[in-house]
C-alpha atoms as a PDB file:
ATOM      1  CA  MET A   1       0.150  -0.054   0.013  1.00  0.00           C
ATOM      2  CA  LYS A   2       1.359   3.365  -0.980  1.00  0.00           C
ATOM      3  CA  ALA A   3       1.509   6.031   1.551  1.00  0.00           C
ATOM      4  CA  PRO A   4      -0.781   9.060   1.020  1.00  0.00           C
ATOM      5  CA  GLY A   5       1.122  12.190  -0.537  1.00  0.00           C
ATOM      6  CA  ILE A   6       4.398  10.357  -1.084  1.00  0.00           C
ATOM      7  CA  ARG A   7       5.456   9.533  -4.833  1.00  0.00           C
ATOM      8  CA  VAL A   8       8.648   7.383  -4.808  1.00  0.00           C
ATOM      9  CA  GLU A   9      10.180   5.963  -8.001  1.00  0.00           C
ATOM     10  CA  SER A  10      12.157   2.916  -7.607  1.00  0.00           C
ATOM     11  CA  ASN A  11      15.836   3.089  -8.692  1.00  0.00           C
ATOM     12  CA  VAL A  12      16.377  -0.567  -8.404  1.00  0.00           C
ATOM     13  CA  GLN A  13      16.262  -2.552 -11.718  1.00  0.00           C
ATOM     14  CA  ALA A  14      17.009  -5.964 -10.620  1.00  0.00           C
ATOM     15  CA  VAL A  15      18.137  -8.205  -7.525  1.00  0.00           C
ATOM     16  CA  PHE A  16      20.748 -10.995  -7.869  1.00  0.00           C
ATOM     17  CA  SER A  17      22.335 -13.624  -5.558  1.00  0.00           C
ATOM     18  CA  PRO A  18      25.948 -13.884  -5.703  1.00  0.00           C
ATOM     19  CA  LEU A  19      27.432 -17.502  -7.051  1.00  0.00           C
ATOM     20  CA  TYR A  20      30.041 -18.995  -4.653  1.00  0.00           C
ATOM     21  CA  ASP A  21      30.412 -22.495  -6.775  1.00  0.00           C
ATOM     22  CA  GLU A  22      32.970 -20.720  -8.850  1.00  0.00           C
ATOM     23  CA  ARG A  23      36.406 -18.926  -7.439  1.00  0.00           C
ATOM     24  CA  TYR A  24      38.387 -16.634  -9.564  1.00  0.00           C
ATOM     25  CA  GLU A  25      41.574 -15.986  -7.916  1.00  0.00           C
ATOM     26  CA  LEU A  26      43.144 -13.074 -10.071  1.00  0.00           C
ATOM     27  CA  PRO A  27      46.510 -11.241  -9.821  1.00  0.00           C
ATOM     28  CA  LEU A  28      46.786  -8.580  -7.558  1.00  0.00           C
ATOM     29  CA  LEU A  29      49.725  -5.816  -7.038  1.00  0.00           C
ATOM     30  CA  LEU A  30      50.355  -5.419  -3.404  1.00  0.00           C
ATOM     31  CA  SER A  31      51.876  -1.978  -3.780  1.00  0.00           C
ATOM     32  CA  ARG A  32      49.539   0.976  -4.737  1.00  0.00           C
ATOM     33  CA  ILE A  33      49.381   2.268  -8.224  1.00  0.00           C
ATOM     34  CA  PRO A  34      49.429   6.017  -8.685  1.00  0.00           C
ATOM     35  CA  ALA A  35      46.888   7.546 -10.753  1.00  0.00           C
ATOM     36  CA  GLY A  36      49.210   9.986 -12.177  1.00  0.00           C
ATOM     37  CA  PHE A  37      52.742   8.802 -13.811  1.00  0.00           C
ATOM     38  CA  PRO A  38      53.028   5.137 -13.938  1.00  0.00           C
ATOM     39  CA  SER A  39      56.045   2.987 -12.117  1.00  0.00           C
ATOM     40  CA  PRO A  40      57.546   0.413 -14.588  1.00  0.00           C
ATOM     41  CA  ALA A  41      59.227  -1.094 -11.403  1.00  0.00           C
ATOM     42  CA  GLU A  42      55.876  -2.413 -10.074  1.00  0.00           C
ATOM     43  CA  SER A  43      54.489  -4.514 -12.994  1.00  0.00           C
ATOM     44  CA  TYR A  44      54.324  -7.783 -11.511  1.00  0.00           C
ATOM     45  CA  ALA A  45      51.651  -9.481  -9.533  1.00  0.00           C
ATOM     46  CA  GLU A  46      52.582 -10.785  -5.898  1.00  0.00           C
ATOM     47  CA  GLU A  47      49.529 -12.101  -4.820  1.00  0.00           C
ATOM     48  CA  SER A  48      45.945 -13.285  -5.936  1.00  0.00           C
ATOM     49  CA  LEU A  49      42.646 -11.777  -5.028  1.00  0.00           C
ATOM     50  CA  ASP A  50      38.907 -13.448  -4.895  1.00  0.00           C
ATOM     51  CA  LEU A  51      36.308 -10.951  -5.416  1.00  0.00           C
ATOM     52  CA  ASN A  52      33.963 -13.054  -3.396  1.00  0.00           C
ATOM     53  CA  ARG A  53      36.316 -12.737  -0.403  1.00  0.00           C
ATOM     54  CA  TYR A  54      37.015  -9.153  -1.076  1.00  0.00           C
ATOM     55  CA  LEU A  55      33.650  -7.796  -1.479  1.00  0.00           C
ATOM     56  CA  ILE A  56      31.287 -10.147   0.617  1.00  0.00           C
ATOM     57  CA  ARG A  57      31.890 -10.268   4.541  1.00  0.00           C
ATOM     58  CA  HIS A  58      28.363 -12.250   5.235  1.00  0.00           C
ATOM     59  CA  PRO A  59      27.855 -14.484   2.267  1.00  0.00           C
ATOM     60  CA  VAL A  60      24.258 -15.853   3.321  1.00  0.00           C
ATOM     61  CA  ALA A  61      23.137 -12.323   4.122  1.00  0.00           C
ATOM     62  CA  THR A  62      24.488 -10.648   0.806  1.00  0.00           C
ATOM     63  CA  PHE A  63      23.161 -10.006  -2.433  1.00  0.00           C
ATOM     64  CA  PHE A  64      23.566  -7.780  -5.556  1.00  0.00           C
ATOM     65  CA  VAL A  65      21.324  -5.072  -7.063  1.00  0.00           C
ATOM     66  CA  ARG A  66      21.453  -3.205 -10.504  1.00  0.00           C
ATOM     67  CA  VAL A  67      20.930   0.523 -10.128  1.00  0.00           C
ATOM     68  CA  GLN A  68      18.394   2.250 -12.556  1.00  0.00           C
ATOM     69  CA  GLY A  69      18.484   6.121 -12.650  1.00  0.00           C
ATOM     70  CA  ASP A  70      20.686   9.014 -11.638  1.00  0.00           C
ATOM     71  CA  SER A  71      19.452   9.787  -8.249  1.00  0.00           C
ATOM     72  CA  MET A  72      22.683   8.563  -6.436  1.00  0.00           C
ATOM     73  CA  THR A  73      25.441   9.918  -8.747  1.00  0.00           C
ATOM     74  CA  GLY A  74      26.785  12.330  -6.024  1.00  0.00           C
ATOM     75  CA  ALA A  75      27.749   9.092  -4.307  1.00  0.00           C
ATOM     76  CA  HIS A  76      29.303   7.968  -7.359  1.00  0.00           C
ATOM     77  CA  ILE A  77      26.582   5.501  -7.887  1.00  0.00           C
ATOM     78  CA  PHE A  78      25.441   5.216 -11.643  1.00  0.00           C
ATOM     79  CA  ASP A  79      22.729   3.726 -13.723  1.00  0.00           C
ATOM     80  CA  GLY A  80      23.694   0.183 -14.482  1.00  0.00           C
ATOM     81  CA  ASP A  81      25.917  -0.134 -11.649  1.00  0.00           C
ATOM     82  CA  LEU A  82      25.815  -3.211  -9.234  1.00  0.00           C
ATOM     83  CA  LEU A  83      25.690  -2.709  -5.632  1.00  0.00           C
ATOM     84  CA  VAL A  84      26.739  -5.481  -3.125  1.00  0.00           C
ATOM     85  CA  VAL A  85      23.998  -5.112  -0.244  1.00  0.00           C
ATOM     86  CA  ASP A  86      24.554  -6.887   3.146  1.00  0.00           C
ATOM     87  CA  ARG A  87      21.564  -7.472   5.176  1.00  0.00           C
ATOM     88  CA  ALA A  88      23.831  -8.474   8.198  1.00  0.00           C
ATOM     89  CA  GLU A  89      25.611  -4.970   8.453  1.00  0.00           C
ATOM     90  CA  GLU A  90      24.381  -2.679  11.132  1.00  0.00           C
ATOM     91  CA  VAL A  91      22.500   0.347   9.376  1.00  0.00           C
ATOM     92  CA  ARG A  92      23.313   3.976  10.954  1.00  0.00           C
ATOM     93  CA  GLY A  93      22.677   7.363   9.653  1.00  0.00           C
ATOM     94  CA  ASN A  94      24.775   8.540   6.628  1.00  0.00           C
ATOM     95  CA  HIS A  95      25.008   4.987   5.306  1.00  0.00           C
ATOM     96  CA  ILE A  96      23.859   4.124   1.812  1.00  0.00           C
ATOM     97  CA  ILE A  97      20.971   1.818   2.057  1.00  0.00           C
ATOM     98  CA  LEU A  98      18.473  -0.381  -0.012  1.00  0.00           C
ATOM     99  CA  ALA A  99      14.947   0.291   1.109  1.00  0.00           C
ATOM    100  CA  GLN A 100      11.302  -0.088   0.263  1.00  0.00           C
ATOM    101  CA  ILE A 101       9.252   2.977   0.889  1.00  0.00           C
ATOM    102  CA  GLY A 102       5.630   3.627  -0.717  1.00  0.00           C
ATOM    103  CA  GLY A 103       5.871   0.332  -2.225  1.00  0.00           C
ATOM    104  CA  GLU A 104       8.923   1.162  -4.320  1.00  0.00           C
ATOM    105  CA  THR A 105      12.610  -0.288  -3.786  1.00  0.00           C
ATOM    106  CA  VAL A 106      14.961   2.505  -3.694  1.00  0.00           C
ATOM    107  CA  VAL A 107      18.772   3.079  -2.921  1.00  0.00           C
ATOM    108  CA  LYS A 108      19.185   6.271  -0.741  1.00  0.00           C
ATOM    109  CA  ARG A 109      21.380   7.592   1.902  1.00  0.00           C
ATOM    110  CA  LEU A 110      19.932   7.389   5.293  1.00  0.00           C
ATOM    111  CA  ARG A 111      19.830  10.599   7.242  1.00  0.00           C
ATOM    112  CA  ARG A 112      18.758  11.995  10.735  1.00  0.00           C
ATOM    113  CA  ILE A 113      17.653  15.662  10.371  1.00  0.00           C
ATOM    114  CA  ASP A 114      15.864  17.159  13.399  1.00  0.00           C
ATOM    115  CA  ASP A 115      15.010  13.821  14.909  1.00  0.00           C
ATOM    116  CA  GLN A 116      13.536  12.695  11.697  1.00  0.00           C
ATOM    117  CA  LEU A 117      14.774   9.941   9.421  1.00  0.00           C
ATOM    118  CA  TRP A 118      15.041  10.552   5.719  1.00  0.00           C
ATOM    119  CA  LEU A 119      15.972   8.599   2.507  1.00  0.00           C
ATOM    120  CA  CYS A 120      18.044  11.183   0.643  1.00  0.00           C
ATOM    121  CA  SER A 121      19.047  11.268  -3.014  1.00  0.00           C
ATOM    122  CA  GLU A 122      22.678  12.370  -3.797  1.00  0.00           C
ATOM    123  CA  ASN A 123      21.624  14.399  -6.655  1.00  0.00           C
ATOM    124  CA  PRO A 124      19.634  17.666  -5.932  1.00  0.00           C
ATOM    125  CA  ALA A 125      17.192  17.340  -9.298  1.00  0.00           C
ATOM    126  CA  PHE A 126      15.657  14.279  -7.141  1.00  0.00           C
ATOM    127  CA  PRO A 127      13.634  14.396  -3.680  1.00  0.00           C
ATOM    128  CA  ASN A 128      14.314  13.239  -0.387  1.00  0.00           C
ATOM    129  CA  PHE A 129      11.697  11.071   1.631  1.00  0.00           C
ATOM    130  CA  PRO A 130      11.018  11.360   5.167  1.00  0.00           C
ATOM    131  CA  ILE A 131      10.574   7.799   6.960  1.00  0.00           C
ATOM    132  CA  THR A 132       7.154   7.979   8.443  1.00  0.00           C
ATOM    133  CA  GLU A 133       4.852   5.471  10.011  1.00  0.00           C
ATOM    134  CA  GLU A 134       2.564   5.986   7.040  1.00  0.00           C
ATOM    135  CA  ALA A 135       5.354   5.351   4.393  1.00  0.00           C
ATOM    136  CA  GLU A 136       5.977   2.002   5.575  1.00  0.00           C
ATOM    137  CA  ALA A 137       9.514   1.868   4.880  1.00  0.00           C
ATOM    138  CA  VAL A 138      11.321  -1.167   5.332  1.00  0.00           C
ATOM    139  CA  ILE A 139      15.387  -1.344   5.202  1.00  0.00           C
ATOM    140  CA  TRP A 140      16.616  -4.296   3.246  1.00  0.00           C
ATOM    141  CA  GLY A 141      20.409  -3.839   4.062  1.00  0.00           C
ATOM    142  CA  ARG A 142      23.481  -1.706   3.924  1.00  0.00           C
ATOM    143  CA  VAL A 143      25.142  -0.959   0.418  1.00  0.00           C
ATOM    144  CA  MET A 144      28.807  -2.047   0.910  1.00  0.00           C
ATOM    145  CA  HIS A 145      30.323  -1.713  -2.543  1.00  0.00           C
ATOM    146  CA  SER A 146      29.650  -0.471  -5.932  1.00  0.00           C
ATOM    147  CA  VAL A 147      30.852  -1.760  -9.193  1.00  0.00           C
ATOM    148  CA  THR A 148      30.955   0.610 -11.919  1.00  0.00           C
ATOM    149  CA  HIS A 149      32.053  -0.198 -15.642  1.00  0.00           C
ATOM    150  CA  HIS A 150      34.445   2.320 -17.171  1.00  0.00           C
ATOM    151  CA  CYS A 151      33.990   0.831 -21.004  1.00  0.00           C
ATOM    152  CA  VAL A 152      31.262  -0.560 -22.813  1.00  0.00           C
ATOM    153  CA  MET A 153      30.938  -4.160 -22.090  1.00  0.00           C
ATOM    154  CA  ASN A 154      28.496  -6.950 -22.982  1.00  0.00           C
ATOM    155  CA  LEU A 155      27.477  -7.905 -19.482  1.00  0.00           C
ATOM    156  CA  ARG A 156      26.172 -11.525 -18.955  1.00  0.00           C
ATOM    157  CA  LEU A 157      23.969 -10.891 -16.140  1.00  0.00           C
ATOM    158  CA  PRO A 158      20.809 -12.899 -15.502  1.00  0.00           C
ATOM    159  CA  GLN A 159      17.799 -11.088 -16.628  1.00  0.00           C
ATOM    160  CA  SER A 160      15.463  -9.910 -13.825  1.00  0.00           C
ATOM    161  CA  ARG A 161      12.331 -12.244 -13.417  1.00  0.00           C
END
């Protein structure tokens, strides 16, 4: 049931569960790489990295969502990004969360303003929403990571059902 007077548009396109049956241990350079001038002396792998272990702290409580829209660009979350959401992590003010409000699933920053909780956009072109009893808000989890593509790719993610 939608809360009266609240119009919320979902900015979540799809929800996915992580797959744990395959491990991809990829090369990892232990030294930090400058974003300015390259350092040719640091061009060899020293260890391997499994992205499941790096991105997922609580496997049973973790899932992925694909973002739709531009309401969170100020937090560097863009249309088409994948978010790693953990239901087991504590949610506090200023965390980015996945929530349901007014019957729509949204990604927003949780803020407390004058003893009122708000779901806040990170783009001034989009509204913020107060969390009220009438709004029937449910917090699904804390956004732990975002995965952004910096090139055009042919993504092979499962389609939403």
